[in-house]
């Protein structure tokens, strides 16, 4: 249990983060447990940190659901898992030409990073070769960064993706080590950390984040934030559970917009120099407060997610413009 008997000064926490000094778990927990009427003060200080390291630029990322359903894992939040009864599309890995066309769409929508995501525990040799072929063509013809999310990797698979031109690999921790077995039993927290370490060893940038709203405690959220700091994740997607009918967590509707903002602010204080991304579920959980996410986060997904819809991309572009922020275009 993390004790929070101390009174914390949000400005002092921000100053500490800007100086590169690690804030305490007690301070991080205090952000999550602060009165809601302190949210403007908290977000102001989170923005000071964000502005110091990223200015007012916003990175856009676009996902393609390269393989849907057909997953043997039992992740309780996922509509594609073996235990889900949600009516989602199920299909094998998309052909190379379809993956390449998706990259063209990413460019048109001003995304700098194209994320190739496939369901399943990990890629087969054939699937990996398909992704490698698509990535090689994309990298030879388009100024895009490529992020792959294909599940658990071997050392050899990680090297193949790196050699093909994949700059970043996503494998989320999702929740704390202590809470992990409550969400997934077909693989372990350690399995996920191991893949992140293989990604780093291969020379790819590690992307790893979390999902909030799954019944975890505030202490769990803080522990994930510090675990992500410990594994040195370069990009941290913060997902807000979009509870889907047919999944074990279909009735989990615990989040409020202000709680979501507190989590983003806390993540910025704990990981001040990292890309913090307001990710899946932001539309349904933050609703009218979505623009405030960018005072802590410096990155968002545009377009649709894996099995749920996002908002119109033009709405995201307008939101960024209305805030006086600037889309960061890819410059390879």
Protein backbone atom coordinates (compact mmCIF):
# COMPACT_ATOMS: atom_id res chain seq x y z
CA UNK A 1 0.00 0.00 0.00
CA UNK A 2 1.32 3.44 -0.95
CA UNK A 3 0.83 5.97 1.85
CA UNK A 4 -0.21 9.53 1.00
CA UNK A 5 -0.26 11.39 4.29
CA UNK A 6 1.93 14.17 2.90
CA UNK A 7 0.50 17.29 1.24
CA UNK A 8 1.87 17.81 -2.27
CA UNK A 9 2.49 20.94 -4.31
CA UNK A 10 1.68 20.28 -7.99
CA UNK A 11 4.11 22.94 -9.16
CA UNK A 12 6.90 21.40 -7.13
CA UNK A 13 6.12 17.98 -8.64
CA UNK A 14 6.30 19.48 -12.14
CA UNK A 15 9.58 21.25 -11.35
CA UNK A 16 11.03 17.96 -10.14
CA UNK A 17 9.97 16.21 -13.36
CA UNK A 18 11.41 18.99 -15.52
CA UNK A 19 14.74 18.69 -13.71
CA UNK A 20 14.83 14.98 -14.50
CA UNK A 21 14.33 13.92 -10.91
CA UNK A 22 12.04 10.94 -10.31
CA UNK A 23 8.92 11.84 -8.37
CA UNK A 24 7.82 9.53 -5.57
CA UNK A 25 5.06 6.96 -5.77
CA UNK A 26 3.36 8.90 -3.00
CA UNK A 27 3.29 12.03 -5.16
CA UNK A 28 1.97 10.07 -8.14
CA UNK A 29 -0.81 8.57 -6.04
CA UNK A 30 -1.67 12.02 -4.70
CA UNK A 31 -2.38 13.17 -8.27
CA UNK A 32 -4.90 10.36 -8.75
CA UNK A 33 -6.55 10.96 -5.39
CA UNK A 34 -6.69 14.76 -5.57
CA UNK A 35 -10.05 16.51 -5.34
CA UNK A 36 -11.65 16.93 -8.74
CA UNK A 37 -11.71 20.70 -8.32
CA UNK A 38 -7.89 20.67 -8.48
CA UNK A 39 -7.86 19.30 -12.02
CA UNK A 40 -7.07 22.64 -13.69
CA UNK A 41 -4.07 23.19 -11.42
CA UNK A 42 -2.84 19.65 -12.06
CA UNK A 43 -3.26 19.90 -15.83
CA UNK A 44 -1.52 23.27 -15.90
CA UNK A 45 1.55 21.75 -14.27
CA UNK A 46 1.41 18.67 -16.50
CA UNK A 47 1.35 21.03 -19.47
CA UNK A 48 4.45 22.82 -18.21
CA UNK A 49 6.28 19.49 -18.27
CA UNK A 50 4.85 18.51 -21.67
CA UNK A 51 5.73 21.90 -23.17
CA UNK A 52 9.29 21.71 -21.85
CA UNK A 53 10.03 18.51 -23.74
CA UNK A 54 7.59 18.54 -26.66
CA UNK A 55 6.47 22.12 -27.14
CA UNK A 56 2.98 22.23 -28.64
CA UNK A 57 3.47 19.50 -31.22
CA UNK A 58 1.14 16.49 -31.46
CA UNK A 59 2.11 13.15 -32.97
CA UNK A 60 -0.60 11.31 -34.90
CA UNK A 61 -0.72 7.52 -35.16
CA UNK A 62 -2.98 5.34 -37.30
CA UNK A 63 -3.80 1.67 -36.69
CA UNK A 64 -4.61 -1.03 -39.22
CA UNK A 65 -6.26 -4.15 -37.80
CA UNK A 66 -4.07 -6.51 -39.82
CA UNK A 67 -5.51 -9.72 -38.35
CA UNK A 68 -8.78 -9.79 -36.43
CA UNK A 69 -10.18 -12.26 -33.92
CA UNK A 70 -8.90 -15.85 -33.92
CA UNK A 71 -6.92 -15.20 -30.73
CA UNK A 72 -6.24 -18.01 -28.21
CA UNK A 73 -5.55 -15.61 -25.32
CA UNK A 74 -8.14 -14.83 -22.61
CA UNK A 75 -7.57 -11.09 -22.02
CA UNK A 76 -10.74 -9.92 -20.27
CA UNK A 77 -10.85 -6.51 -21.96
CA UNK A 78 -10.50 -7.77 -25.53
CA UNK A 79 -13.32 -8.43 -27.98
CA UNK A 80 -11.00 -10.64 -30.03
CA UNK A 81 -10.08 -13.08 -27.25
CA UNK A 82 -11.06 -16.73 -27.17
CA UNK A 83 -13.54 -16.09 -24.34
CA UNK A 84 -15.24 -13.10 -26.00
CA UNK A 85 -18.67 -13.46 -27.58
CA UNK A 86 -18.58 -9.98 -29.12
CA UNK A 87 -19.58 -10.02 -32.81
CA UNK A 88 -16.27 -8.87 -34.29
CA UNK A 89 -14.84 -9.50 -37.74
CA UNK A 90 -12.53 -12.50 -37.95
CA UNK A 91 -9.95 -12.80 -40.71
CA UNK A 92 -6.35 -13.92 -41.24
CA UNK A 93 -3.45 -11.55 -41.80
CA UNK A 94 -4.16 -9.07 -44.57
CA UNK A 95 -2.23 -9.36 -47.82
CA UNK A 96 0.79 -7.15 -48.43
CA UNK A 97 -1.00 -4.81 -50.85
CA UNK A 98 -3.73 -4.09 -48.29
CA UNK A 99 -1.16 -3.28 -45.62
CA UNK A 100 0.64 -0.95 -48.02
CA UNK A 101 -2.62 0.79 -48.96
CA UNK A 102 -3.23 1.38 -45.26
CA UNK A 103 0.08 3.21 -45.06
CA UNK A 104 -1.02 5.52 -47.87
CA UNK A 105 -4.16 6.31 -45.90
CA UNK A 106 -2.02 7.12 -42.84
CA UNK A 107 -0.08 9.66 -44.89
CA UNK A 108 -3.28 11.25 -46.20
CA UNK A 109 -4.53 11.67 -42.62
CA UNK A 110 -1.26 13.34 -41.54
CA UNK A 111 -0.21 10.45 -39.32
CA UNK A 112 3.53 10.15 -38.82
CA UNK A 113 3.40 6.59 -37.48
CA UNK A 114 1.59 3.64 -39.06
CA UNK A 115 0.77 0.83 -36.64
CA UNK A 116 0.38 -2.72 -37.99
CA UNK A 117 -1.55 -4.65 -35.34
CA UNK A 118 -2.41 -8.35 -35.45
CA UNK A 119 -4.36 -10.47 -32.98
CA UNK A 120 -2.91 -13.67 -31.56
CA UNK A 121 -0.26 -14.78 -29.09
CA UNK A 122 2.50 -14.14 -31.60
CA UNK A 123 3.19 -14.25 -35.36
CA UNK A 124 3.82 -17.43 -37.34
CA UNK A 125 6.79 -17.49 -39.70
CA UNK A 126 4.47 -16.92 -42.66
CA UNK A 127 2.74 -13.98 -40.96
CA UNK A 128 6.05 -12.41 -40.04
CA UNK A 129 7.26 -12.71 -43.63
CA UNK A 130 4.06 -11.00 -44.87
CA UNK A 131 4.56 -8.10 -42.48
CA UNK A 132 8.26 -7.83 -43.39
CA UNK A 133 7.43 -7.67 -47.10
CA UNK A 134 4.84 -4.93 -46.53
CA UNK A 135 7.15 -2.91 -44.30
CA UNK A 136 9.99 -3.07 -46.82
CA UNK A 137 7.75 -1.68 -49.56
CA UNK A 138 6.30 1.03 -47.30
CA UNK A 139 9.74 2.16 -46.14
CA UNK A 140 11.01 2.34 -49.73
CA UNK A 141 8.14 4.52 -50.92
CA UNK A 142 6.72 6.55 -48.03
CA UNK A 143 8.03 8.87 -45.27
CA UNK A 144 6.37 6.97 -42.43
CA UNK A 145 7.55 5.46 -39.18
CA UNK A 146 6.32 1.90 -38.71
CA UNK A 147 5.16 0.41 -35.43
CA UNK A 148 4.30 -3.29 -35.29
CA UNK A 149 2.16 -5.00 -32.65
CA UNK A 150 2.11 -8.73 -33.32
CA UNK A 151 2.24 -10.23 -29.84
CA UNK A 152 5.05 -12.20 -28.21
CA UNK A 153 8.30 -12.24 -30.21
CA UNK A 154 11.38 -14.42 -30.32
CA UNK A 155 14.82 -12.83 -30.56
CA UNK A 156 15.03 -13.84 -34.23
CA UNK A 157 11.61 -12.39 -35.07
CA UNK A 158 12.50 -9.10 -33.41
CA UNK A 159 15.68 -8.90 -35.49
CA UNK A 160 13.78 -9.57 -38.72
CA UNK A 161 11.35 -6.75 -38.02
CA UNK A 162 14.17 -4.37 -37.19
CA UNK A 163 16.05 -5.27 -40.37
CA UNK A 164 12.88 -4.71 -42.44
CA UNK A 165 12.61 -1.13 -41.18
CA UNK A 166 10.24 -1.36 -38.20
CA UNK A 167 11.26 1.49 -35.90
CA UNK A 168 8.89 0.75 -33.01
CA UNK A 169 7.22 -2.29 -31.48
CA UNK A 170 4.19 -2.16 -29.21
CA UNK A 171 3.59 -4.63 -26.40
CA UNK A 172 1.58 -3.17 -23.54
CA UNK A 173 1.98 -4.14 -19.89
CA UNK A 174 -1.75 -3.28 -19.60
CA UNK A 175 -1.97 -3.45 -15.81
CA UNK A 176 0.23 -3.93 -12.77
CA UNK A 177 2.10 -7.13 -12.03
CA UNK A 178 -0.07 -7.57 -8.93
CA UNK A 179 -3.34 -7.24 -10.90
CA UNK A 180 -2.30 -9.05 -14.07
CA UNK A 181 -3.77 -12.48 -13.28
CA UNK A 182 -7.18 -10.86 -12.71
CA UNK A 183 -7.19 -9.75 -16.36
CA UNK A 184 -5.29 -12.47 -18.24
CA UNK A 185 -4.30 -16.06 -17.37
CA UNK A 186 -3.01 -17.49 -20.67
CA UNK A 187 0.25 -15.56 -20.41
CA UNK A 188 2.06 -13.70 -17.65
CA UNK A 189 3.19 -10.19 -16.86
CA UNK A 190 6.76 -11.49 -17.18
CA UNK A 191 6.01 -12.68 -20.74
CA UNK A 192 5.13 -9.13 -21.68
CA UNK A 193 8.21 -7.62 -20.07
CA UNK A 194 10.36 -10.24 -21.82
CA UNK A 195 9.05 -9.21 -25.24
CA UNK A 196 9.70 -5.54 -24.48
CA UNK A 197 13.28 -6.43 -23.56
CA UNK A 198 13.72 -8.40 -26.82
CA UNK A 199 12.44 -5.38 -28.75
CA UNK A 200 14.99 -3.13 -27.07
CA UNK A 201 17.81 -5.64 -27.65
CA UNK A 202 16.94 -5.76 -31.37
CA UNK A 203 17.28 -1.98 -31.60
CA UNK A 204 13.60 -1.10 -31.98
CA UNK A 205 11.98 1.61 -29.90
CA UNK A 206 9.78 0.07 -27.19
CA UNK A 207 6.15 1.16 -27.09
CA UNK A 208 4.33 -0.08 -24.00
CA UNK A 209 1.39 1.25 -22.07
CA UNK A 210 -1.66 0.48 -20.01
CA UNK A 211 -5.43 0.20 -19.89
CA UNK A 212 -7.33 1.89 -17.08
CA UNK A 213 -10.89 1.17 -16.03
CA UNK A 214 -10.53 -2.60 -15.56
CA UNK A 215 -11.21 -2.54 -11.82
CA UNK A 216 -7.63 -1.83 -10.83
CA UNK A 217 -6.73 0.28 -7.80
CA UNK A 218 -5.00 3.65 -7.93
CA UNK A 219 -1.94 1.88 -6.54
CA UNK A 220 -2.03 -0.47 -9.55
CA UNK A 221 -2.10 2.50 -11.93
CA UNK A 222 0.87 4.10 -10.16
CA UNK A 223 2.79 0.82 -10.22
CA UNK A 224 2.30 0.49 -14.00
CA UNK A 225 3.53 4.06 -14.52
CA UNK A 226 6.72 3.30 -12.60
CA UNK A 227 7.15 -0.08 -14.32
CA UNK A 228 6.98 1.68 -17.69
CA UNK A 229 9.61 4.10 -16.45
CA UNK A 230 11.76 1.16 -15.32
CA UNK A 231 11.61 -0.63 -18.69
CA UNK A 232 12.30 2.73 -20.40
CA UNK A 233 9.33 2.67 -22.78
CA UNK A 234 9.78 5.43 -25.35
CA UNK A 235 6.08 5.64 -26.20
CA UNK A 236 3.34 5.07 -23.64
CA UNK A 237 -0.23 4.60 -24.89
CA UNK A 238 -2.80 5.20 -22.15
CA UNK A 239 -5.99 3.34 -23.05
CA UNK A 240 -9.33 3.96 -21.36
CA UNK A 241 -11.46 0.82 -21.25
CA UNK A 242 -14.22 0.84 -23.84
CA UNK A 243 -16.27 -1.92 -22.24
CA UNK A 244 -17.58 -4.13 -25.06
CA UNK A 245 -20.61 -6.36 -24.70
CA UNK A 246 -19.54 -9.98 -24.85
CA UNK A 247 -16.30 -9.48 -22.90
CA UNK A 248 -15.83 -10.27 -19.18
CA UNK A 249 -15.41 -6.54 -18.49
CA UNK A 250 -18.55 -5.46 -20.37
CA UNK A 251 -20.08 -3.96 -17.20
CA UNK A 252 -16.98 -2.04 -16.11
CA UNK A 253 -17.93 1.61 -16.41
CA UNK A 254 -15.85 3.13 -13.64
CA UNK A 255 -14.14 5.98 -15.43
CA UNK A 256 -14.95 9.67 -15.40
CA UNK A 257 -13.38 12.25 -17.71
CA UNK A 258 -11.55 13.86 -14.82
CA UNK A 259 -10.12 10.53 -13.63
CA UNK A 260 -8.78 9.97 -17.14
CA UNK A 261 -7.12 13.39 -17.09
CA UNK A 262 -5.53 12.70 -13.70
CA UNK A 263 -4.03 9.47 -15.05
CA UNK A 264 -2.53 11.28 -18.06
CA UNK A 265 -1.12 14.02 -15.83
CA UNK A 266 0.37 11.48 -13.44
CA UNK A 267 1.92 9.58 -16.35
CA UNK A 268 3.47 12.82 -17.63
CA UNK A 269 4.99 13.57 -14.20
CA UNK A 270 6.41 10.04 -13.87
CA UNK A 271 7.64 9.81 -17.49
CA UNK A 272 8.28 13.45 -18.40
CA UNK A 273 10.42 12.94 -21.53
CA UNK A 274 8.38 10.12 -23.07
CA UNK A 275 5.67 10.16 -25.71
CA UNK A 276 2.39 9.90 -23.80
CA UNK A 277 -0.51 8.92 -26.07
CA UNK A 278 -4.20 9.41 -25.35
CA UNK A 279 -5.34 6.17 -26.90
CA UNK A 280 -8.26 3.75 -27.21
CA UNK A 281 -11.49 4.73 -25.49
CA UNK A 282 -10.70 8.44 -25.20
CA UNK A 283 -13.78 9.36 -27.22
CA UNK A 284 -16.26 7.48 -25.02
CA UNK A 285 -14.59 8.17 -21.67
CA UNK A 286 -13.40 11.77 -21.99
CA UNK A 287 -16.22 12.99 -24.23
CA UNK A 288 -16.33 16.80 -24.16
CA UNK A 289 -13.05 16.99 -22.20
CA UNK A 290 -11.02 15.33 -24.94
CA UNK A 291 -9.12 18.52 -25.85
CA UNK A 292 -7.71 18.68 -22.33
CA UNK A 293 -5.84 15.41 -22.87
CA UNK A 294 -3.29 17.23 -25.02
CA UNK A 295 -2.15 19.37 -22.11
CA UNK A 296 -0.52 16.21 -20.74
CA UNK A 297 -0.33 13.88 -23.76
CA UNK A 298 1.64 14.74 -26.89
CA UNK A 299 0.27 11.97 -29.09
CA UNK A 300 -3.09 10.49 -30.16
CA UNK A 301 -4.47 7.78 -32.41
CA UNK A 302 -6.57 9.00 -35.31
CA UNK A 303 -9.17 6.97 -37.17
CA UNK A 304 -10.67 3.72 -35.90
CA UNK A 305 -9.19 1.31 -33.39
CA UNK A 306 -9.12 -2.48 -33.68
CA UNK A 307 -12.80 -3.34 -33.27
CA UNK A 308 -14.23 0.01 -32.16
CA UNK A 309 -14.71 3.28 -34.01
CA UNK A 310 -12.83 6.47 -33.34
CA UNK A 311 -14.10 9.93 -34.18
CA UNK A 312 -13.75 11.65 -37.52
CA UNK A 313 -10.11 12.41 -38.23
CA UNK A 314 -11.03 15.94 -39.27
CA UNK A 315 -12.42 16.46 -35.76
CA UNK A 316 -9.02 15.54 -34.32
CA UNK A 317 -7.29 17.90 -36.73
CA UNK A 318 -9.68 20.70 -35.71
CA UNK A 319 -9.18 19.95 -32.02
CA UNK A 320 -5.42 20.28 -32.41
CA UNK A 321 -5.76 23.50 -34.41
CA UNK A 322 -8.29 25.03 -32.00
CA UNK A 323 -5.90 24.43 -29.09
CA UNK A 324 -3.16 26.28 -30.95
CA UNK A 325 -1.13 23.08 -31.21
CA UNK A 326 0.64 21.74 -34.31
CA UNK A 327 0.63 18.31 -35.94
CA UNK A 328 4.14 16.86 -35.98
CA UNK A 329 4.71 15.51 -39.47
CA UNK A 330 7.09 12.62 -40.01
CA UNK A 331 10.52 13.74 -41.22
CA UNK A 332 12.55 10.70 -42.22
